[in-house]
Each structure stands twice: as structure tokens, then as C-alpha cells.
All heavy atoms as atom14 arrays in JSON, in Angstrom:
{
  "sequence": "NMNGENSVCQIVSRSVGKDDSIQLFHPKV",
  "atom14_mask": [
    [1, 1, 1, 1, 1, 1, 1, 1, 0, 0, 0, 0, 0, 0],
    [1, 1, 1, 1, 1, 1, 1, 1, 0, 0, 0, 0, 0, 0],
    [1, 1, 1, 1, 1, 1, 1, 1, 0, 0, 0, 0, 0, 0],
    [1, 1, 1, 1, 0, 0, 0, 0, 0, 0, 0, 0, 0, 0],
    [1, 1, 1, 1, 1, 1, 1, 1, 1, 0, 0, 0, 0, 0],
    [1, 1, 1, 1, 1, 1, 1, 1, 0, 0, 0, 0, 0, 0],
    [1, 1, 1, 1, 1, 1, 0, 0, 0, 0, 0, 0, 0, 0],
    [1, 1, 1, 1, 1, 1, 1, 0, 0, 0, 0, 0, 0, 0],
    [1, 1, 1, 1, 1, 1, 0, 0, 0, 0, 0, 0, 0, 0],
    [1, 1, 1, 1, 1, 1, 1, 1, 1, 0, 0, 0, 0, 0],
    [1, 1, 1, 1, 1, 1, 1, 1, 0, 0, 0, 0, 0, 0],
    [1, 1, 1, 1, 1, 1, 1, 0, 0, 0, 0, 0, 0, 0],
    [1, 1, 1, 1, 1, 1, 0, 0, 0, 0, 0, 0, 0, 0],
    [1, 1, 1, 1, 1, 1, 1, 1, 1, 1, 1, 0, 0, 0],
    [1, 1, 1, 1, 1, 1, 0, 0, 0, 0, 0, 0, 0, 0],
    [1, 1, 1, 1, 1, 1, 1, 0, 0, 0, 0, 0, 0, 0],
    [1, 1, 1, 1, 0, 0, 0, 0, 0, 0, 0, 0, 0, 0],
    [1, 1, 1, 1, 1, 1, 1, 1, 1, 0, 0, 0, 0, 0],
    [1, 1, 1, 1, 1, 1, 1, 1, 0, 0, 0, 0, 0, 0],
    [1, 1, 1, 1, 1, 1, 1, 1, 0, 0, 0, 0, 0, 0],
    [1, 1, 1, 1, 1, 1, 0, 0, 0, 0, 0, 0, 0, 0],
    [1, 1, 1, 1, 1, 1, 1, 1, 0, 0, 0, 0, 0, 0],
    [1, 1, 1, 1, 1, 1, 1, 1, 1, 0, 0, 0, 0, 0],
    [1, 1, 1, 1, 1, 1, 1, 1, 0, 0, 0, 0, 0, 0],
    [1, 1, 1, 1, 1, 1, 1, 1, 1, 1, 1, 0, 0, 0],
    [1, 1, 1, 1, 1, 1, 1, 1, 1, 1, 0, 0, 0, 0],
    [1, 1, 1, 1, 1, 1, 1, 0, 0, 0, 0, 0, 0, 0],
    [1, 1, 1, 1, 1, 1, 1, 1, 1, 0, 0, 0, 0, 0],
    [1, 1, 1, 1, 1, 1, 1, 0, 0, 0, 0, 0, 0, 0]
  ],
  "atom14_positions": [
    [[0.85, -1.19, 0.0], [0.0, 0.0, 0.0], [0.89, 1.24, 0.0], [1.57, 1.53, 0.99], [-0.9, 0.0, 1.24], [-1.79, -1.23, 1.3], [-2.59, -1.46, 0.4], [-1.64, -2.02, 2.35], [0.0, 0.0, 0.0], [0.0, 0.0, 0.0], [0.0, 0.0, 0.0], [0.0, 0.0, 0.0], [0.0, 0.0, 0.0], [0.0, 0.0, 0.0]],
    [[0.89, 1.95, -1.13], [1.73, 3.13, -1.28], [0.9, 4.36, -0.92], [0.25, 4.98, -1.75], [2.28, 3.18, -2.7], [2.99, 1.88, -3.08], [3.82, 1.93, -4.67], [5.19, 3.03, -4.29], [0.0, 0.0, 0.0], [0.0, 0.0, 0.0], [0.0, 0.0, 0.0], [0.0, 0.0, 0.0], [0.0, 0.0, 0.0], [0.0, 0.0, 0.0]],
    [[0.95, 4.69, 0.37], [0.06, 5.72, 0.9], [0.66, 7.12, 0.84], [-0.08, 8.11, 0.8], [-0.3, 5.38, 2.35], [-0.97, 4.02, 2.47], [-1.82, 3.67, 1.65], [-0.58, 3.25, 3.48], [0.0, 0.0, 0.0], [0.0, 0.0, 0.0], [0.0, 0.0, 0.0], [0.0, 0.0, 0.0], [0.0, 0.0, 0.0], [0.0, 0.0, 0.0]],
    [[1.98, 7.23, 0.84], [2.62, 8.53, 0.91], [3.13, 9.03, -0.43], [3.54, 8.24, -1.29], [0.0, 0.0, 0.0], [0.0, 0.0, 0.0], [0.0, 0.0, 0.0], [0.0, 0.0, 0.0], [0.0, 0.0, 0.0], [0.0, 0.0, 0.0], [0.0, 0.0, 0.0], [0.0, 0.0, 0.0], [0.0, 0.0, 0.0], [0.0, 0.0, 0.0]],
    [[3.1, 10.33, -0.62], [3.62, 10.92, -1.85], [5.1, 10.59, -2.03], [5.87, 10.53, -1.08], [3.44, 12.44, -1.83], [1.99, 12.89, -1.93], [1.88, 14.4, -2.01], [2.94, 15.07, -1.98], [0.76, 14.9, -2.12], [0.0, 0.0, 0.0], [0.0, 0.0, 0.0], [0.0, 0.0, 0.0], [0.0, 0.0, 0.0], [0.0, 0.0, 0.0]],
    [[5.46, 10.37, -3.31], [6.85, 10.08, -3.71], [7.4, 8.79, -3.11], [8.62, 8.59, -3.04], [7.77, 11.26, -3.32], [7.36, 12.54, -4.01], [7.05, 12.55, -5.2], [7.34, 13.64, -3.26], [0.0, 0.0, 0.0], [0.0, 0.0, 0.0], [0.0, 0.0, 0.0], [0.0, 0.0, 0.0], [0.0, 0.0, 0.0], [0.0, 0.0, 0.0]],
    [[6.52, 7.9, -2.68], [6.98, 6.58, -2.26], [7.33, 5.76, -3.49], [6.81, 5.97, -4.58], [5.91, 5.88, -1.41], [4.68, 5.81, -2.11], [0.0, 0.0, 0.0], [0.0, 0.0, 0.0], [0.0, 0.0, 0.0], [0.0, 0.0, 0.0], [0.0, 0.0, 0.0], [0.0, 0.0, 0.0], [0.0, 0.0, 0.0], [0.0, 0.0, 0.0]],
    [[8.25, 4.79, -3.29], [8.78, 4.0, -4.39], [8.79, 2.53, -3.98], [9.15, 2.19, -2.85], [10.21, 4.43, -4.77], [10.78, 3.53, -5.86], [10.23, 5.89, -5.2], [0.0, 0.0, 0.0], [0.0, 0.0, 0.0], [0.0, 0.0, 0.0], [0.0, 0.0, 0.0], [0.0, 0.0, 0.0], [0.0, 0.0, 0.0], [0.0, 0.0, 0.0]],
    [[8.41, 1.66, -4.93], [8.41, 0.23, -4.65], [8.93, -0.54, -5.85], [8.56, -0.24, -7.0], [7.01, -0.26, -4.28], [6.87, -2.05, -4.08], [0.0, 0.0, 0.0], [0.0, 0.0, 0.0], [0.0, 0.0, 0.0], [0.0, 0.0, 0.0], [0.0, 0.0, 0.0], [0.0, 0.0, 0.0], [0.0, 0.0, 0.0], [0.0, 0.0, 0.0]],
    [[9.77, -1.52, -5.6], [10.23, -2.43, -6.65], [10.14, -3.86, -6.13], [10.67, -4.19, -5.07], [11.67, -2.12, -7.06], [12.23, -3.1, -8.09], [13.65, -2.75, -8.49], [13.91, -1.71, -9.06], [14.59, -3.63, -8.16], [0.0, 0.0, 0.0], [0.0, 0.0, 0.0], [0.0, 0.0, 0.0], [0.0, 0.0, 0.0], [0.0, 0.0, 0.0]],
    [[9.45, -4.71, -6.88], [9.32, -6.12, -6.53], [9.87, -6.95, -7.69], [9.41, -6.81, -8.82], [7.86, -6.51, -6.26], [7.27, -5.67, -5.12], [7.75, -8.0, -5.93], [5.77, -5.87, -4.92], [0.0, 0.0, 0.0], [0.0, 0.0, 0.0], [0.0, 0.0, 0.0], [0.0, 0.0, 0.0], [0.0, 0.0, 0.0], [0.0, 0.0, 0.0]],
    [[10.85, -7.8, -7.39], [11.43, -8.67, -8.4], [11.36, -10.11, -7.91], [11.87, -10.43, -6.83], [12.89, -8.3, -8.71], [13.48, -9.28, -9.72], [12.98, -6.87, -9.24], [0.0, 0.0, 0.0], [0.0, 0.0, 0.0], [0.0, 0.0, 0.0], [0.0, 0.0, 0.0], [0.0, 0.0, 0.0], [0.0, 0.0, 0.0], [0.0, 0.0, 0.0]],
    [[10.7, -10.97, -8.68], [10.62, -12.38, -8.34], [11.3, -13.19, -9.44], [11.0, -13.04, -10.62], [9.16, -12.82, -8.21], [9.07, -14.23, -8.09], [0.0, 0.0, 0.0], [0.0, 0.0, 0.0], [0.0, 0.0, 0.0], [0.0, 0.0, 0.0], [0.0, 0.0, 0.0], [0.0, 0.0, 0.0], [0.0, 0.0, 0.0], [0.0, 0.0, 0.0]],
    [[12.22, -14.07, -9.02], [12.86, -15.0, -9.95], [12.69, -16.4, -9.39], [13.08, -16.67, -8.25], [14.34, -14.67, -10.13], [14.56, -13.4, -10.93], [15.95, -13.38, -11.54], [16.01, -12.42, -12.64], [16.97, -12.41, -13.55], [17.92, -13.32, -13.52], [16.97, -11.52, -14.52], [0.0, 0.0, 0.0], [0.0, 0.0, 0.0], [0.0, 0.0, 0.0]],
    [[12.12, -17.29, -10.19], [11.86, -18.63, -9.69], [12.14, -19.68, -10.76], [12.09, -19.4, -11.96], [10.41, -18.76, -9.21], [9.51, -18.76, -10.31], [0.0, 0.0, 0.0], [0.0, 0.0, 0.0], [0.0, 0.0, 0.0], [0.0, 0.0, 0.0], [0.0, 0.0, 0.0], [0.0, 0.0, 0.0], [0.0, 0.0, 0.0], [0.0, 0.0, 0.0]],
    [[12.41, -20.88, -10.27], [12.59, -22.04, -11.14], [11.71, -23.17, -10.59], [11.81, -23.52, -9.41], [14.07, -22.5, -11.18], [14.21, -23.78, -12.01], [14.95, -21.4, -11.74], [0.0, 0.0, 0.0], [0.0, 0.0, 0.0], [0.0, 0.0, 0.0], [0.0, 0.0, 0.0], [0.0, 0.0, 0.0], [0.0, 0.0, 0.0], [0.0, 0.0, 0.0]],
    [[10.85, -23.7, -11.45], [10.0, -24.83, -11.07], [10.41, -26.08, -11.82], [10.45, -26.08, -13.05], [0.0, 0.0, 0.0], [0.0, 0.0, 0.0], [0.0, 0.0, 0.0], [0.0, 0.0, 0.0], [0.0, 0.0, 0.0], [0.0, 0.0, 0.0], [0.0, 0.0, 0.0], [0.0, 0.0, 0.0], [0.0, 0.0, 0.0], [0.0, 0.0, 0.0]],
    [[10.73, -27.15, -11.07], [11.17, -28.4, -11.68], [10.19, -29.53, -11.37], [9.36, -29.42, -10.45], [12.56, -28.8, -11.15], [13.68, -27.82, -11.47], [15.01, -28.36, -10.93], [16.17, -27.47, -11.3], [17.46, -28.03, -10.8], [0.0, 0.0, 0.0], [0.0, 0.0, 0.0], [0.0, 0.0, 0.0], [0.0, 0.0, 0.0], [0.0, 0.0, 0.0]],
    [[10.3, -30.63, -12.11], [9.58, -31.87, -11.87], [8.07, -31.63, -11.85], [7.52, -31.06, -12.78], [10.07, -32.51, -10.56], [11.59, -32.72, -10.55], [12.13, -33.08, -11.6], [12.21, -32.5, -9.5], [0.0, 0.0, 0.0], [0.0, 0.0, 0.0], [0.0, 0.0, 0.0], [0.0, 0.0, 0.0], [0.0, 0.0, 0.0], [0.0, 0.0, 0.0]],
    [[7.4, -32.01, -10.75], [5.94, -31.85, -10.63], [5.57, -30.77, -9.62], [4.46, -30.78, -9.07], [5.3, -33.18, -10.2], [5.48, -34.27, -11.24], [5.05, -34.06, -12.39], [6.07, -35.32, -10.91], [0.0, 0.0, 0.0], [0.0, 0.0, 0.0], [0.0, 0.0, 0.0], [0.0, 0.0, 0.0], [0.0, 0.0, 0.0], [0.0, 0.0, 0.0]],
    [[6.49, -29.87, -9.34], [6.23, -28.84, -8.33], [5.26, -27.78, -8.85], [5.04, -27.64, -10.05], [7.53, -28.19, -7.89], [8.16, -27.52, -8.97], [0.0, 0.0, 0.0], [0.0, 0.0, 0.0], [0.0, 0.0, 0.0], [0.0, 0.0, 0.0], [0.0, 0.0, 0.0], [0.0, 0.0, 0.0], [0.0, 0.0, 0.0], [0.0, 0.0, 0.0]],
    [[4.68, -27.04, -7.9], [3.69, -26.02, -8.21], [4.09, -24.71, -7.53], [4.44, -24.7, -6.34], [2.27, -26.44, -7.74], [1.83, -27.72, -8.47], [1.26, -25.31, -7.97], [0.52, -28.28, -7.94], [0.0, 0.0, 0.0], [0.0, 0.0, 0.0], [0.0, 0.0, 0.0], [0.0, 0.0, 0.0], [0.0, 0.0, 0.0], [0.0, 0.0, 0.0]],
    [[4.01, -23.61, -8.28], [4.29, -22.29, -7.73], [3.15, -21.33, -8.05], [2.58, -21.37, -9.14], [5.59, -21.72, -8.32], [6.83, -22.51, -8.01], [8.07, -21.87, -8.63], [8.03, -20.72, -9.09], [9.18, -22.59, -8.64], [0.0, 0.0, 0.0], [0.0, 0.0, 0.0], [0.0, 0.0, 0.0], [0.0, 0.0, 0.0], [0.0, 0.0, 0.0]],
    [[2.87, -20.46, -7.1], [1.87, -19.4, -7.3], [2.44, -18.11, -6.72], [2.82, -18.05, -5.55], [0.56, -19.74, -6.6], [-0.51, -18.65, -6.54], [-0.97, -18.26, -7.94], [-1.7, -19.09, -5.71], [0.0, 0.0, 0.0], [0.0, 0.0, 0.0], [0.0, 0.0, 0.0], [0.0, 0.0, 0.0], [0.0, 0.0, 0.0], [0.0, 0.0, 0.0]],
    [[2.51, -17.06, -7.55], [3.03, -15.76, -7.11], [2.0, -14.69, -7.43], [1.59, -14.52, -8.57], [4.36, -15.46, -7.81], [5.02, -14.19, -7.33], [5.22, -13.97, -5.98], [5.44, -13.22, -8.22], [5.84, -12.81, -5.53], [6.05, -12.06, -7.78], [6.25, -11.85, -6.43], [0.0, 0.0, 0.0], [0.0, 0.0, 0.0], [0.0, 0.0, 0.0]],
    [[1.56, -13.95, -6.4], [0.54, -12.92, -6.58], [0.98, -11.62, -5.89], [0.68, -11.39, -4.71], [-0.8, -13.38, -6.0], [-1.91, -12.4, -6.21], [-3.12, -12.47, -5.54], [-2.0, -11.3, -7.02], [-3.89, -11.47, -5.92], [-3.23, -10.75, -6.81], [0.0, 0.0, 0.0], [0.0, 0.0, 0.0], [0.0, 0.0, 0.0], [0.0, 0.0, 0.0]],
    [[1.73, -10.77, -6.59], [2.09, -9.47, -6.04], [1.02, -8.43, -6.38], [0.54, -8.36, -7.52], [3.41, -9.14, -6.74], [3.29, -9.83, -8.07], [2.41, -11.04, -7.87], [0.0, 0.0, 0.0], [0.0, 0.0, 0.0], [0.0, 0.0, 0.0], [0.0, 0.0, 0.0], [0.0, 0.0, 0.0], [0.0, 0.0, 0.0], [0.0, 0.0, 0.0]],
    [[0.67, -7.62, -5.42], [-0.35, -6.58, -5.61], [0.18, -5.27, -5.07], [0.6, -5.18, -3.91], [-1.64, -6.97, -4.9], [-2.74, -5.92, -4.99], [-3.97, -6.36, -4.19], [-5.06, -5.3, -4.2], [-6.23, -5.71, -3.37], [0.0, 0.0, 0.0], [0.0, 0.0, 0.0], [0.0, 0.0, 0.0], [0.0, 0.0, 0.0], [0.0, 0.0, 0.0]],
    [[0.16, -4.23, -5.91], [0.6, -2.9, -5.49], [-0.56, -1.93, -5.66], [-1.18, -1.87, -6.73], [1.8, -2.41, -6.32], [2.16, -0.98, -5.96], [3.0, -3.34, -6.1], [0.0, 0.0, 0.0], [0.0, 0.0, 0.0], [0.0, 0.0, 0.0], [0.0, 0.0, 0.0], [0.0, 0.0, 0.0], [0.0, 0.0, 0.0], [0.0, 0.0, 0.0]]
  ]
}
């Protein structure tokens, strides 16, 4: 939640899924 003026946010996700694995990524700004 970017409530203040001139606030800054950076989100970086790097993932590797192998075999039968499951991943779920839900970023919300």
C-alpha cells in the first residue's frame, strides 16, 4: 500500500519450477 507521496516500490521475483512442483506468485501494489 503506497500511501505517501513520492513513495517507491520495486518487486522482483525470480523462480525455477522443476519436476511436478507447483508455484503461485501474486504481487499486488
